[in-house]
Amino acid sequence: MSDDAKANWTPEDTRVAIEHGKVIGGAFWEWCKRRWRGKPRSPDQTTPTSSEAEKGILVIGPGGTGKSTFAKLISGQLLPWVFGDTWKYDESLSEETFVLQDQPGVEIVVPAGQHYRRDASWASVRGDLVAGRYAGVVLTAANGYHSFGGLGYRSHPLFQGKRDDFLRDYVEAKRQDELATLDFLLPALESAPDKLWLMTLVTKEDLWTSSPKNEKDAHQFYTAGKWAEAVAKVQATRGGKSFRPEFCPVSITMCNLKDPDGTVLFPTTSGYDVERQGVSVQKLFKALDALRQWEGES
């Protein structure tokens, strides 16, 4: 979004944008309050209540793919989501919690996704899935367009002297990391009891739609090839009635991808505007609502 557009943004624009997500109605929001992974807490926020037996939803993915931003959107803390402090990538240091705006006793909990933090933050993930703690999984990806912390891109291990080569190698390496995350979950997805759904949430659509070819390649990466084969294997093992996969591209925050030094690595796609972003978020909420309804089917 241009600086002029930001300057002209009004509270009414924010309200209209948020309504893109809320058009579904109260049933979806009530489901969010009951279902998100996290423990309903007593008023002092320290002692879990007996209500925590209800299954939750796991939000997981590599670092820099928008897990925390997604959680902020769902919990009503990303206002407006189009621009603001959320544009700056803040690396998650540990498991994060977000309290639902209209029900402070329920938290959304998101484990950190950086490689060097996974042993600690993902230690219980597969065990919790197999134990039946979750009704569904939101696996965040970004077609390789991951934000990163630390130093500038010239100090990144993949940089070998040429910027364009780095960008190509970086995106491909991060795509492989996304596949590795899916592979990490596969045994637990196959073994988890009861009904289970998996949403592949591909964020940063405003970055990887720079050309029709790029957009087509991104969709094919998640709906064909190794990704689709892995998801199909889970479906074949569990059966269609107990497992439902969903693919959902979205732009939650619209901004250039910059390195920690402020260098723009990937600019937002020309012509990708607030209206298209709002439609993508609306589709996200509709997809989640469809999963909510599927959970209740016998």
Protein backbone atom coordinates (compact mmCIF):
# COMPACT_ATOMS: atom_id res chain seq x y z
CA MET A 1 0.00 0.00 0.00
CA SER A 2 1.30 3.45 -0.86
CA ASP A 3 2.04 6.07 1.80
CA ASP A 4 -0.85 8.16 0.41
CA ALA A 5 -3.23 5.25 0.84
CA LYS A 6 -2.06 4.75 4.42
CA ALA A 7 -2.52 8.43 5.17
CA ASN A 8 -6.08 8.33 3.81
CA TRP A 9 -7.02 5.14 5.69
CA THR A 10 -9.92 5.78 8.06
CA PRO A 11 -11.52 3.91 10.97
CA GLU A 12 -14.45 3.19 8.66
CA ASP A 13 -12.07 1.49 6.20
CA THR A 14 -10.87 -0.69 9.05
CA ARG A 15 -14.42 -1.59 10.03
CA VAL A 16 -15.30 -2.55 6.45
CA ALA A 17 -12.13 -4.61 6.12
CA ILE A 18 -12.82 -6.49 9.34
CA GLU A 19 -16.35 -7.20 8.17
CA HIS A 20 -14.85 -9.20 5.30
CA GLY A 21 -13.99 -11.77 7.93
CA LYS A 22 -17.13 -11.50 10.04
CA VAL A 23 -19.79 -11.88 7.36
CA ILE A 24 -20.17 -15.55 8.24
CA GLY A 25 -21.97 -14.82 11.47
CA GLY A 26 -21.84 -15.73 15.13
CA ALA A 27 -21.52 -19.51 14.77
CA PHE A 28 -17.96 -19.27 13.47
CA TRP A 29 -16.83 -16.88 16.20
CA GLU A 30 -18.36 -19.01 18.92
CA TRP A 31 -16.50 -22.00 17.46
CA CYS A 32 -13.24 -20.02 17.56
CA LYS A 33 -13.74 -19.27 21.23
CA ARG A 34 -14.30 -22.94 22.04
CA ARG A 35 -11.79 -24.54 19.70
CA TRP A 36 -8.50 -22.70 19.58
CA ARG A 37 -5.59 -24.61 21.05
CA GLY A 38 -5.01 -23.19 24.48
CA LYS A 39 -6.44 -23.71 27.91
CA PRO A 40 -9.54 -21.93 29.16
CA ARG A 41 -8.30 -20.18 32.27
CA SER A 42 -9.84 -19.13 35.53
CA PRO A 43 -10.09 -15.36 36.18
CA ASP A 44 -6.64 -15.23 37.77
CA GLN A 45 -5.19 -16.60 34.47
CA THR A 46 -3.05 -19.15 36.29
CA THR A 47 -5.20 -22.16 37.13
CA PRO A 48 -6.69 -24.17 34.23
CA THR A 49 -10.40 -24.87 34.56
CA SER A 50 -12.13 -28.19 33.99
CA SER A 51 -13.28 -26.95 30.56
CA GLU A 52 -9.90 -27.59 28.95
CA ALA A 53 -10.93 -31.11 27.83
CA GLU A 54 -12.39 -29.61 24.64
CA LYS A 55 -10.16 -30.22 21.62
CA GLY A 56 -8.25 -27.30 20.23
CA ILE A 57 -6.51 -26.31 17.01
CA LEU A 58 -2.76 -26.42 16.46
CA VAL A 59 -1.12 -23.53 14.58
CA ILE A 60 2.33 -24.58 13.39
CA GLY A 61 4.82 -23.77 10.64
CA PRO A 62 8.37 -22.57 9.93
CA GLY A 63 9.52 -19.26 11.35
CA GLY A 64 8.51 -16.18 9.38
CA THR A 65 5.39 -17.65 7.75
CA GLY A 66 2.79 -15.68 9.69
CA LYS A 67 1.70 -17.95 12.55
CA SER A 68 1.58 -15.14 15.09
CA THR A 69 -0.02 -12.74 12.60
CA PHE A 70 -2.73 -15.32 11.86
CA ALA A 71 -3.33 -15.78 15.58
CA LYS A 72 -3.62 -12.01 16.03
CA LEU A 73 -6.18 -11.84 13.22
CA ILE A 74 -8.28 -14.63 14.69
CA SER A 75 -8.09 -13.18 18.20
CA GLY A 76 -9.14 -9.72 17.03
CA GLN A 77 -5.80 -8.08 17.86
CA LEU A 78 -4.76 -7.14 14.33
CA LEU A 79 -6.53 -3.80 13.80
CA PRO A 80 -6.06 -2.80 11.11
CA TRP A 81 -4.35 -5.84 9.63
CA VAL A 82 -3.40 -3.98 6.44
CA PHE A 83 -0.53 -1.92 7.88
CA GLY A 84 1.11 -0.89 11.13
CA ASP A 85 3.49 -2.52 13.58
CA THR A 86 2.60 -5.94 12.19
CA TRP A 87 4.63 -5.10 9.08
CA LYS A 88 7.86 -5.50 11.02
CA TYR A 89 8.91 -9.10 11.55
CA ASP A 90 9.53 -9.86 15.21
CA GLU A 91 11.06 -13.29 15.65
CA SER A 92 9.16 -15.44 18.13
CA LEU A 93 11.47 -16.53 20.94
CA SER A 94 9.16 -19.13 22.48
CA GLU A 95 5.56 -20.28 22.54
CA GLU A 96 3.26 -17.26 22.17
CA THR A 97 -0.23 -16.77 23.53
CA PHE A 98 -3.03 -14.51 22.29
CA VAL A 99 -6.21 -13.90 24.25
CA LEU A 100 -9.46 -13.81 22.32
CA GLN A 101 -10.77 -10.25 22.39
CA ASP A 102 -14.33 -11.08 23.43
CA GLN A 103 -13.48 -14.02 25.72
CA PRO A 104 -10.30 -13.28 27.71
CA GLY A 105 -10.33 -16.70 29.38
CA VAL A 106 -9.35 -18.49 26.15
CA GLU A 107 -5.89 -18.32 24.62
CA ILE A 108 -4.47 -19.13 21.20
CA VAL A 109 -1.02 -20.67 21.64
CA VAL A 110 1.53 -20.74 18.79
CA PRO A 111 4.88 -22.58 19.09
CA ALA A 112 7.98 -20.83 17.70
CA GLY A 113 9.06 -22.16 14.29
CA GLN A 114 12.77 -21.35 13.90
CA HIS A 115 14.96 -24.44 13.39
CA TYR A 116 17.03 -23.88 16.50
CA ARG A 117 13.93 -23.51 18.71
CA ARG A 118 11.94 -26.50 17.43
CA ASP A 119 13.40 -29.10 19.78
CA ALA A 120 11.94 -27.14 22.67
CA SER A 121 8.82 -25.59 21.17
CA TRP A 122 7.66 -28.60 19.11
CA ALA A 123 8.59 -31.31 21.62
CA SER A 124 5.02 -32.27 22.51
CA VAL A 125 3.28 -31.48 19.22
CA ARG A 126 3.09 -34.98 17.74
CA GLY A 127 2.30 -36.55 21.08
CA ASP A 128 -0.59 -34.14 21.59
CA LEU A 129 -1.93 -34.93 18.12
CA VAL A 130 -1.79 -38.68 18.69
CA ALA A 131 -3.43 -38.19 22.08
CA GLY A 132 -6.39 -36.55 20.34
CA ARG A 133 -5.89 -33.09 21.81
CA TYR A 134 -6.53 -31.32 18.48
CA ALA A 135 -9.53 -31.17 16.19
CA GLY A 136 -7.48 -29.61 13.40
CA VAL A 137 -4.12 -28.24 12.30
CA VAL A 138 -3.35 -24.92 10.61
CA LEU A 139 0.00 -25.44 8.87
CA THR A 140 1.37 -22.06 7.81
CA ALA A 141 3.54 -21.72 4.71
CA ALA A 142 4.48 -18.79 2.46
CA ASN A 143 5.71 -20.30 -0.82
CA GLY A 144 9.23 -19.78 0.52
CA TYR A 145 8.78 -16.04 1.14
CA HIS A 146 9.70 -16.26 4.82
CA SER A 147 10.57 -13.23 6.91
CA PHE A 148 13.80 -13.56 8.85
CA GLY A 149 15.60 -11.90 11.71
CA GLY A 150 19.26 -11.41 12.51
CA LEU A 151 21.54 -9.61 10.03
CA GLY A 152 21.02 -8.41 6.45
CA TYR A 153 20.78 -10.76 3.50
CA ARG A 154 24.47 -10.35 2.62
CA SER A 155 25.31 -12.05 5.94
CA HIS A 156 22.92 -14.95 5.31
CA PRO A 157 24.62 -18.36 4.82
CA LEU A 158 22.94 -18.74 1.42
CA PHE A 159 24.39 -15.51 0.03
CA GLN A 160 27.27 -16.26 -2.34
CA GLY A 161 27.81 -12.83 -3.87
CA LYS A 162 24.82 -12.27 -6.16
CA ARG A 163 21.50 -10.92 -4.91
CA ASP A 164 19.32 -12.65 -7.52
CA ASP A 165 20.96 -16.00 -6.87
CA PHE A 166 20.40 -15.54 -3.14
CA LEU A 167 16.69 -14.76 -3.59
CA ARG A 168 16.19 -17.84 -5.77
CA ASP A 169 18.09 -20.12 -3.40
CA TYR A 170 16.44 -18.64 -0.32
CA VAL A 171 12.89 -19.21 -1.58
CA GLU A 172 13.70 -22.77 -2.63
CA ALA A 173 15.36 -23.57 0.71
CA LYS A 174 12.35 -22.23 2.61
CA ARG A 175 9.96 -24.24 0.44
CA GLN A 176 11.90 -27.34 1.42
CA ASP A 177 11.63 -26.31 5.07
CA GLU A 178 7.85 -26.13 4.64
CA LEU A 179 7.88 -29.67 3.23
CA ALA A 180 10.02 -30.80 6.15
CA THR A 181 7.43 -29.40 8.57
CA LEU A 182 4.68 -31.33 6.81
CA ASP A 183 6.83 -34.47 6.93
CA PHE A 184 7.36 -33.91 10.66
CA LEU A 185 3.59 -33.94 11.20
CA LEU A 186 2.70 -36.86 8.90
CA PRO A 187 3.02 -39.78 11.36
CA ALA A 188 0.88 -37.98 13.92
CA LEU A 189 -1.68 -36.88 11.32
CA GLU A 190 -2.10 -40.49 10.27
CA SER A 191 -2.37 -41.79 13.84
CA ALA A 192 -4.52 -39.12 15.49
CA PRO A 193 -7.92 -40.43 16.63
CA ASP A 194 -11.37 -39.21 15.63
CA LYS A 195 -11.97 -36.65 12.89
CA LEU A 196 -9.10 -34.34 11.99
CA TRP A 197 -8.63 -31.58 9.43
CA LEU A 198 -5.52 -29.97 8.00
CA MET A 199 -5.47 -26.46 6.55
CA THR A 200 -2.45 -25.50 4.44
CA LEU A 201 -2.49 -21.73 4.98
CA VAL A 202 -0.22 -20.12 2.37
CA THR A 203 0.35 -16.55 3.53
CA LYS A 204 1.91 -13.52 1.80
CA GLU A 205 -0.14 -13.89 -1.38
CA ASP A 206 0.66 -10.24 -2.11
CA LEU A 207 4.33 -11.21 -2.62
CA TRP A 208 4.19 -14.39 -4.72
CA THR A 209 1.59 -13.27 -7.28
CA SER A 210 4.00 -10.98 -9.14
CA SER A 211 3.20 -12.79 -12.40
CA PRO A 212 0.64 -15.38 -13.57
CA LYS A 213 3.48 -17.92 -13.80
CA ASN A 214 4.63 -17.30 -10.22
CA GLU A 215 1.07 -17.60 -8.94
CA LYS A 216 0.46 -20.81 -10.90
CA ASP A 217 3.75 -22.30 -9.66
CA ALA A 218 2.81 -21.50 -6.07
CA HIS A 219 -0.59 -23.16 -6.32
CA GLN A 220 0.92 -26.23 -7.99
CA PHE A 221 3.55 -26.55 -5.26
CA TYR A 222 0.81 -27.13 -2.67
CA THR A 223 -1.85 -28.87 -4.78
CA ALA A 224 0.42 -31.18 -6.80
CA GLY A 225 3.78 -32.87 -6.37
CA LYS A 226 5.30 -33.91 -3.03
CA TRP A 227 2.99 -31.76 -0.89
CA ALA A 228 -0.18 -33.14 -2.43
CA GLU A 229 1.20 -36.69 -2.36
CA ALA A 230 1.90 -36.44 1.37
CA VAL A 231 -1.58 -35.09 2.14
CA ALA A 232 -3.17 -37.73 -0.10
CA LYS A 233 -1.31 -40.43 1.82
CA VAL A 234 -2.82 -39.22 5.08
CA GLN A 235 -6.26 -39.18 3.50
CA ALA A 236 -5.81 -42.69 2.14
CA THR A 237 -4.70 -43.95 5.55
CA ARG A 238 -7.48 -42.29 7.51
CA GLY A 239 -10.30 -42.30 4.98
CA GLY A 240 -12.29 -39.37 3.64
CA LYS A 241 -14.79 -39.33 6.50
CA SER A 242 -12.18 -38.82 9.21
CA PHE A 243 -9.75 -36.46 7.46
CA ARG A 244 -10.32 -33.27 5.50
CA PRO A 245 -7.51 -31.24 3.87
CA GLU A 246 -7.95 -27.60 2.89
CA PHE A 247 -5.72 -25.25 0.85
CA CYS A 248 -6.09 -21.54 1.50
CA PRO A 249 -3.89 -18.74 0.07
CA VAL A 250 -4.17 -15.41 1.88
CA SER A 251 -2.59 -12.01 2.47
CA ILE A 252 -3.10 -11.03 6.10
CA THR A 253 -0.66 -8.11 6.20
CA MET A 254 0.29 -6.47 2.92
CA CYS A 255 3.92 -5.36 2.92
CA ASN A 256 7.27 -5.71 1.19
CA LEU A 257 9.54 -8.50 2.39
CA LYS A 258 12.63 -6.79 3.79
CA ASP A 259 15.75 -8.08 5.45
CA PRO A 260 16.65 -6.85 8.97
CA ASP A 261 18.67 -4.00 7.44
CA GLY A 262 15.59 -2.68 5.65
CA THR A 263 16.56 -3.80 2.14
CA VAL A 264 13.52 -4.75 0.07
CA LEU A 265 13.97 -8.33 -1.14
CA PHE A 266 10.52 -8.89 -2.59
CA PRO A 267 8.10 -5.99 -3.17
CA THR A 268 4.35 -6.38 -2.98
CA THR A 269 2.75 -7.23 -6.30
CA SER A 270 1.70 -4.24 -8.36
CA GLY A 271 -2.09 -4.11 -8.46
CA TYR A 272 -2.56 -6.29 -5.37
CA ASP A 273 -4.80 -3.89 -3.47
CA VAL A 274 -6.80 -3.74 -0.26
CA GLU A 275 -9.89 -5.12 -1.97
CA ARG A 276 -8.09 -8.26 -3.14
CA GLN A 277 -6.52 -8.66 0.27
CA GLY A 278 -9.91 -8.36 1.96
CA VAL A 279 -11.36 -11.00 -0.36
CA SER A 280 -8.51 -13.37 0.51
CA VAL A 281 -9.18 -12.92 4.24
CA GLN A 282 -12.89 -13.43 3.69
CA LYS A 283 -12.14 -16.71 1.89
CA LEU A 284 -9.97 -17.75 4.83
CA PHE A 285 -12.82 -17.27 7.29
CA LYS A 286 -15.24 -19.09 5.00
CA ALA A 287 -12.83 -22.01 4.71
CA LEU A 288 -12.49 -22.19 8.49
CA ASP A 289 -16.25 -22.05 8.84
CA ALA A 290 -16.60 -24.94 6.39
CA LEU A 291 -14.22 -26.95 8.58
CA ARG A 292 -16.29 -26.03 11.61
CA GLN A 293 -19.38 -27.42 9.92
CA TRP A 294 -17.52 -30.57 8.80
CA GLU A 295 -16.51 -31.24 12.41
CA GLY A 296 -20.18 -31.46 13.34
CA GLU A 297 -21.14 -33.90 10.57
CA SER A 298 -21.59 -37.52 11.52
